[in-house]
Every structure is written in C-alpha cells, then in structure tokens.
C-alpha cells in the first residue's frame, strides 16, 4: 500500500531522526510533547498523531526521560491516527512530578527550570512541534503553527520562541485553545532549521525563489505586453498621419528626411522606432526618428480640416 506523506509529515520525519542524547533534553522534549498533546493531566495522558516516525520514537523518548512505558500502544500498521495512552495513576503522578506539578495543580505552565539550558530549549520546541505542530506545503503557501489548550503555556512558549529564534510568532485563539504561528517564509525557514529539519527548510527557500522568479517573469511579460501595445498604438497614429498627408497631396512636398521616415513606417508597420532608425540612410538615432514621426503627426493635424 502506497502511503502519501504530506510536507508536514516529511518535516516531522526529519525532526525525529535524532533522539536526544542527554536525559535533560529527553525530559524537555517530552515536556513539549505533553504540553502540546491532546491531553495531559491527573486523569490521563493521551497523545494522538498521524506521523509514523513520531509514533516510532515516542516510546523510546518517554522511556529515556521517565523510565516508563505507555499503557496503550497503537499498531503502526493501522491507517489514520495513532493513539498513545497512559492511565496508570502512579505513572501519571510520577511524570507530572518531574515537571513540578502535583495533584493540586490547577493549570499547566512552562516550568522554566526544565528549559534552562539552550539544548533543552531546542528539545522542548521540537517536542511541541511534533505533538501540536503543522506546516503548510510551501508550494501552496507559508504557514507553520503549534497549538495548545493551555493559555499560560502558549504565552510562555511565545516568549521562548522570541528568545531562541529572534522574532515573535503570531498568536490566535482557536477552538478554546491558543495557536502560535508564523507566516513569513524566512521565519519558517529559520524555525525548521532550528528544530532540526534543514532539508525541508531548503524546500521553503526553493519555493520562495521559484515564486519570486515566476513573479519577475510575469511582471516582465506584462511590461513587454504593455510596451508592445504602446508601439502598435503609436504606429497606427503615424500611419494615419501619413495617409492624411497623402490624401491632401502634401506627402511628396515634405523634406526628404521626413518622406524617408514615412516610407519606412509604411513598409514596416510593426517595427519599433529603433528598428526604423536603423533603416535610414545613413542610420539615425531613435530620438531623431521619434522627432520625424512627431513632425509627420503635427503636419497631418495642421492639414486636417
């Protein structure tokens, strides 16, 4: 069976290629997963994902951080979403205690002691993205987001992202939760590189360059079309002036240089001024040819009744 993988799936696959080496980083990455997963509290832990790569590394990550196993594992061969569950009260209490949460904890927040080191900050954001993040295919648009149901967590992660990335994400309410998101291609590029997905980040850069090139080509084509229209309109005005002068019997009485210009225009009705100027004997400049055409038009206006 062929499984189609989205761009977001490719990003998560790349992020999952390296498990944290240090226990503190494993703990921080699990913290990101838990604060941005589907459910994390005294009543249970539930993590739902469509990423097979994330599902493969999740049990290893939890065992490295806590030394515990999930109470319910999904089959990676199953289609659709994969559910991981911990409902053992002792396991839940232990995991929550690792982050400074007790049974009397009312609302979850980002315990800064867990992300004190730079490596742990990175690990935390990796976990947050793996559990609650997504990113749009750059061929369709630029949008990266991570969502959580905990308002304090969103606010504190907002500040953390600014600290490590150097720019603020945007924040929006959605379905009772909070979503932090980026919509600028350069910021998404930096974020994916920081999270450990430089290959996918290059896809963002390539898509942006391709769009810029297409836009430049389109602008050039539009400009060329506009210029061509102007050339055609000018040539029609010049031909009309020449016809008027001929009908009035004035064309043959004009100076030889003006007659030569008129003859060249009639022979080459679609030529540009530069091309007509090159046909003169001897060749003249484009401004000089433009001046001769203006004289033709002015004479035709004066001759008209």
Protein backbone atom coordinates (compact mmCIF):
# COMPACT_ATOMS: atom_id res chain seq x y z
CA UNK A 1 0.00 0.00 0.00
CA UNK A 2 1.37 3.40 -1.03
CA UNK A 3 1.08 5.99 1.73
CA UNK A 4 1.05 9.65 0.74
CA UNK A 5 3.14 11.78 3.08
CA UNK A 6 2.46 15.48 3.48
CA UNK A 7 5.14 18.15 3.71
CA UNK A 8 4.41 18.41 7.45
CA UNK A 9 4.93 14.66 7.67
CA UNK A 10 8.30 14.99 5.94
CA UNK A 11 9.32 17.70 8.39
CA UNK A 12 8.38 15.58 11.40
CA UNK A 13 10.19 12.60 9.91
CA UNK A 14 13.36 14.69 9.63
CA UNK A 15 12.98 16.10 13.16
CA UNK A 16 12.56 12.55 14.53
CA UNK A 17 15.78 11.22 13.04
CA UNK A 18 17.82 12.04 16.13
CA UNK A 19 16.69 11.25 19.66
CA UNK A 20 18.07 13.45 22.45
CA UNK A 21 21.38 12.13 23.80
CA UNK A 22 21.07 13.68 27.24
CA UNK A 23 18.34 12.85 29.74
CA UNK A 24 17.67 16.55 30.42
CA UNK A 25 16.94 17.07 26.73
CA UNK A 26 14.73 13.97 26.61
CA UNK A 27 12.82 15.38 29.58
CA UNK A 28 12.49 18.78 27.89
CA UNK A 29 11.32 17.22 24.61
CA UNK A 30 8.73 15.16 26.48
CA UNK A 31 7.63 18.34 28.25
CA UNK A 32 6.99 19.95 24.87
CA UNK A 33 5.10 16.88 23.70
CA UNK A 34 2.92 16.77 26.83
CA UNK A 35 2.07 20.49 26.94
CA UNK A 36 1.04 20.46 23.26
CA UNK A 37 -0.52 17.00 23.05
CA UNK A 38 -4.22 16.11 23.19
CA UNK A 39 -4.49 15.51 26.94
CA UNK A 40 -2.11 15.84 29.88
CA UNK A 41 -3.39 15.83 33.46
CA UNK A 42 -4.17 13.74 36.53
CA UNK A 43 -6.94 11.97 34.67
CA UNK A 44 -4.60 10.64 31.98
CA UNK A 45 -2.15 11.28 29.17
CA UNK A 46 -3.28 10.89 25.57
CA UNK A 47 -1.09 11.61 22.56
CA UNK A 48 -2.60 11.32 19.08
CA UNK A 49 -0.50 11.60 15.94
CA UNK A 50 -0.57 10.75 12.25
CA UNK A 51 3.22 10.71 11.98
CA UNK A 52 4.56 7.15 11.89
CA UNK A 53 8.08 8.40 12.59
CA UNK A 54 6.93 10.28 15.69
CA UNK A 55 4.97 7.22 16.80
CA UNK A 56 8.08 5.09 16.47
CA UNK A 57 10.33 7.35 18.53
CA UNK A 58 7.74 8.36 21.17
CA UNK A 59 8.03 5.21 23.36
CA UNK A 60 11.84 5.44 23.28
CA UNK A 61 11.69 9.12 24.20
CA UNK A 62 9.37 8.51 27.17
CA UNK A 63 11.42 5.60 28.43
CA UNK A 64 14.64 7.64 28.27
CA UNK A 65 13.02 10.55 30.11
CA UNK A 66 10.88 8.71 32.70
CA UNK A 67 11.73 5.03 32.53
CA UNK A 68 8.05 4.24 31.94
CA UNK A 69 6.08 2.66 29.11
CA UNK A 70 2.72 3.58 27.66
CA UNK A 71 -0.28 1.64 28.89
CA UNK A 72 -1.78 1.51 25.41
CA UNK A 73 0.15 1.36 22.12
CA UNK A 74 -1.29 1.69 18.62
CA UNK A 75 -0.33 -0.57 15.76
CA UNK A 76 1.88 1.32 13.32
CA UNK A 77 0.28 -0.70 10.55
CA UNK A 78 -3.11 0.80 11.35
CA UNK A 79 -4.31 3.53 8.97
CA UNK A 80 -5.20 7.01 10.18
CA UNK A 81 -4.41 8.48 13.58
CA UNK A 82 -2.36 6.66 16.20
CA UNK A 83 -3.26 6.85 19.91
CA UNK A 84 -0.89 6.53 22.86
CA UNK A 85 -2.35 6.35 26.36
CA UNK A 86 -1.10 6.37 29.94
CA UNK A 87 -3.84 5.93 32.54
CA UNK A 88 -1.89 4.37 35.44
CA UNK A 89 -2.21 6.88 38.33
CA UNK A 90 1.30 6.13 39.62
CA UNK A 91 2.88 6.75 36.21
CA UNK A 92 0.89 9.95 35.75
CA UNK A 93 1.85 11.30 39.18
CA UNK A 94 5.49 10.50 38.58
CA UNK A 95 5.54 12.19 35.16
CA UNK A 96 3.76 15.27 36.45
CA UNK A 97 6.11 15.42 39.41
CA UNK A 98 9.09 15.52 37.05
CA UNK A 99 7.83 18.92 35.89
CA UNK A 100 6.87 20.26 39.30
CA UNK A 101 3.14 19.54 39.01
CA UNK A 102 1.20 17.97 41.85
CA UNK A 103 -2.33 16.76 42.44
CA UNK A 104 -3.39 20.28 43.36
CA UNK A 105 -2.15 21.77 40.06
CA UNK A 106 -4.99 23.79 38.53
CA UNK A 107 -3.41 24.92 35.26
CA UNK A 108 -0.28 23.80 33.46
CA UNK A 109 2.56 26.15 32.63
CA UNK A 110 6.08 26.08 31.21
CA UNK A 111 8.44 25.25 34.08
CA UNK A 112 11.50 27.32 33.11
CA UNK A 113 13.82 25.09 35.14
CA UNK A 114 13.20 22.31 32.59
CA UNK A 115 14.33 24.51 29.69
CA UNK A 116 17.18 26.33 31.40
CA UNK A 117 19.90 25.05 29.02
CA UNK A 118 19.99 26.05 25.34
CA UNK A 119 19.89 22.40 24.23
CA UNK A 120 16.79 21.87 26.36
CA UNK A 121 15.05 24.89 24.84
CA UNK A 122 15.57 23.35 21.41
CA UNK A 123 14.36 19.96 22.62
CA UNK A 124 11.23 21.48 24.15
CA UNK A 125 10.25 23.24 20.91
CA UNK A 126 10.94 20.07 18.94
CA UNK A 127 8.53 18.17 21.18
CA UNK A 128 5.93 20.93 20.95
CA UNK A 129 6.07 20.84 17.15
CA UNK A 130 5.97 17.05 16.95
CA UNK A 131 2.87 16.86 19.16
CA UNK A 132 0.95 20.00 18.24
CA UNK A 133 2.56 21.43 15.13
CA UNK A 134 1.99 21.51 11.41
CA UNK A 135 3.44 23.32 8.41
CA UNK A 136 1.90 24.01 5.02
CA UNK A 137 3.43 22.75 1.79
CA UNK A 138 5.49 25.75 0.58
CA UNK A 139 4.11 25.24 -2.91
CA UNK A 140 0.70 26.25 -1.57
CA UNK A 141 1.64 28.90 0.98
CA UNK A 142 3.70 29.76 4.04
CA UNK A 143 2.24 28.77 7.40
CA UNK A 144 3.74 27.00 10.41
CA UNK A 145 1.84 26.60 13.67
CA UNK A 146 1.79 24.83 17.03
CA UNK A 147 -1.34 24.68 19.15
CA UNK A 148 -2.08 24.01 22.81
CA UNK A 149 -5.16 24.06 25.01
CA UNK A 150 -3.21 25.72 27.85
CA UNK A 151 -3.23 29.53 27.65
CA UNK A 152 -0.31 30.02 30.04
CA UNK A 153 1.77 27.56 28.03
CA UNK A 154 1.04 29.47 24.81
CA UNK A 155 2.04 32.76 26.41
CA UNK A 156 5.29 31.35 27.84
CA UNK A 157 6.20 29.48 24.64
CA UNK A 158 5.60 32.71 22.74
CA UNK A 159 8.34 34.35 24.81
CA UNK A 160 10.63 31.32 24.47
CA UNK A 161 10.35 31.33 20.67
CA UNK A 162 11.25 35.00 20.59
CA UNK A 163 14.26 34.32 22.78
CA UNK A 164 15.73 31.48 20.73
CA UNK A 165 14.57 32.44 17.22
CA UNK A 166 14.91 36.20 17.47
CA UNK A 167 11.37 37.01 16.31
CA UNK A 168 7.86 36.79 17.71
CA UNK A 169 5.28 34.36 16.34
CA UNK A 170 1.71 35.50 15.94
CA UNK A 171 -0.94 34.21 18.34
CA UNK A 172 -4.60 33.39 17.77
CA UNK A 173 -7.43 31.71 19.68
CA UNK A 174 -8.87 28.59 18.08
CA UNK A 175 -11.40 26.13 19.47
CA UNK A 176 -10.83 27.13 23.07
CA UNK A 177 -7.05 26.84 22.72
CA UNK A 178 -4.19 29.00 21.51
CA UNK A 179 -2.21 28.74 18.29
CA UNK A 180 1.25 30.22 17.76
CA UNK A 181 2.02 30.63 14.07
CA UNK A 182 4.48 32.00 11.51
CA UNK A 183 3.56 33.18 8.01
CA UNK A 184 6.82 34.62 6.69
CA UNK A 185 8.92 32.23 4.62
CA UNK A 186 12.24 33.38 6.09
CA UNK A 187 10.96 32.86 9.65
CA UNK A 188 9.62 29.40 8.81
CA UNK A 189 12.97 28.57 7.19
CA UNK A 190 14.82 29.62 10.35
CA UNK A 191 12.38 27.75 12.59
CA UNK A 192 12.62 24.46 10.68
CA UNK A 193 16.40 24.71 10.61
CA UNK A 194 16.42 25.33 14.37
CA UNK A 195 14.15 22.34 15.01
CA UNK A 196 16.48 20.04 13.07
CA UNK A 197 14.85 19.89 9.63
CA UNK A 198 17.31 21.76 7.37
CA UNK A 199 16.49 19.66 4.30
CA UNK A 200 12.79 20.56 4.47
CA UNK A 201 13.78 24.13 5.28
CA UNK A 202 15.54 24.26 1.91
CA UNK A 203 12.22 23.38 0.27
CA UNK A 204 10.84 26.61 1.77
CA UNK A 205 13.74 28.58 0.30
CA UNK A 206 13.45 26.92 -3.12
CA UNK A 207 9.69 27.54 -3.23
CA UNK A 208 10.21 31.20 -2.36
CA UNK A 209 12.89 31.63 -5.03
CA UNK A 210 10.67 29.91 -7.61
CA UNK A 211 7.74 32.18 -6.76
CA UNK A 212 9.96 35.26 -6.94
CA UNK A 213 11.27 34.14 -10.34
CA UNK A 214 7.75 33.47 -11.64
CA UNK A 215 6.58 36.85 -10.39
CA UNK A 216 9.55 38.54 -12.08
CA UNK A 217 8.84 36.75 -15.36
CA UNK A 218 5.15 37.67 -15.15
CA UNK A 219 5.99 41.31 -14.47
CA UNK A 220 8.41 41.30 -17.40
CA UNK A 221 5.81 39.73 -19.68
CA UNK A 222 3.18 42.23 -18.58
CA UNK A 223 5.67 45.06 -19.13
CA UNK A 224 6.56 43.71 -22.58
CA UNK A 225 2.86 43.42 -23.47
CA UNK A 226 2.27 47.00 -22.34
CA UNK A 227 5.25 48.24 -24.34
CA UNK A 228 4.11 46.30 -27.41
CA UNK A 229 0.66 47.85 -27.12
CA UNK A 230 2.22 51.30 -26.99
CA UNK A 231 4.34 50.55 -30.08
CA UNK A 232 1.27 49.35 -32.00
CA UNK A 233 -0.80 52.38 -30.97
CA UNK A 234 2.00 54.79 -31.94
CA UNK A 235 2.49 53.06 -35.30
CA UNK A 236 -1.23 53.28 -36.08
CA UNK A 237 -1.22 57.00 -35.30
CA UNK A 238 1.80 57.51 -37.56
CA UNK A 239 0.24 55.51 -40.42
CA UNK A 240 -2.97 57.51 -40.09
CA UNK A 241 -0.98 60.74 -40.31
CA UNK A 242 0.84 59.51 -43.41
CA UNK A 243 -2.49 58.62 -45.09
CA UNK A 244 -3.88 62.05 -44.28
CA UNK A 245 -0.84 63.82 -45.78
CA UNK A 246 -1.01 61.66 -48.92
CA UNK A 247 -4.72 62.35 -49.39
CA UNK A 248 -4.04 66.07 -49.05
CA UNK A 249 -1.24 65.83 -51.63
CA UNK A 250 1.31 67.02 -49.08
CA UNK A 251 3.42 63.91 -48.55
CA UNK A 252 5.57 64.42 -51.65
CA UNK A 253 6.22 68.03 -50.68
CA UNK A 254 7.79 67.16 -47.32
CA UNK A 255 11.56 67.22 -46.72
CA UNK A 256 13.35 64.10 -47.96
CA UNK A 257 14.20 63.00 -44.42
CA UNK A 258 10.53 63.11 -43.38
CA UNK A 259 9.47 61.28 -46.57
CA UNK A 260 12.09 58.57 -45.89
CA UNK A 261 10.72 58.11 -42.38
CA UNK A 262 7.15 57.86 -43.71
CA UNK A 263 8.18 55.31 -46.34
CA UNK A 264 9.97 53.18 -43.73
CA UNK A 265 6.89 53.20 -41.49
CA UNK A 266 4.58 52.12 -44.31
CA UNK A 267 6.95 49.32 -45.30
CA UNK A 268 7.40 48.14 -41.69
CA UNK A 269 4.15 48.94 -39.83
CA UNK A 270 5.09 46.73 -36.84
CA UNK A 271 8.70 47.89 -36.43
CA UNK A 272 9.85 49.82 -33.38
CA UNK A 273 11.36 53.31 -33.63
CA UNK A 274 14.81 51.83 -33.02
CA UNK A 275 14.34 49.43 -35.92
CA UNK A 276 13.09 52.21 -38.22
CA UNK A 277 16.03 54.42 -37.23
CA UNK A 278 18.44 51.66 -38.28
CA UNK A 279 16.80 51.54 -41.75
CA UNK A 280 17.61 55.14 -42.55
CA UNK A 281 20.45 56.04 -44.93
CA UNK A 282 22.56 56.80 -43.06
CA UNK A 283 21.18 55.24 -39.84
CA UNK A 284 19.95 57.72 -37.25
CA UNK A 285 19.20 57.59 -33.52
CA UNK A 286 15.88 56.58 -32.01
CA UNK A 287 15.21 60.14 -30.70
CA UNK A 288 15.84 61.51 -34.20
CA UNK A 289 13.34 59.05 -35.71
CA UNK A 290 10.86 59.89 -32.97
CA UNK A 291 11.25 63.58 -33.84
CA UNK A 292 10.50 62.89 -37.53
CA UNK A 293 7.37 60.94 -36.64
CA UNK A 294 6.17 63.74 -34.38
CA UNK A 295 6.59 66.17 -37.28
CA UNK A 296 4.52 63.90 -39.52
CA UNK A 297 1.72 63.75 -36.95
CA UNK A 298 1.84 67.52 -36.33
CA UNK A 299 1.70 68.28 -40.09
CA UNK A 300 -1.23 65.91 -40.51
CA UNK A 301 -3.13 67.65 -37.70
CA UNK A 302 -2.47 71.05 -39.29
CA UNK A 303 -3.62 69.77 -42.68
CA UNK A 304 -6.82 68.22 -41.34
CA UNK A 305 -9.98 70.40 -41.71
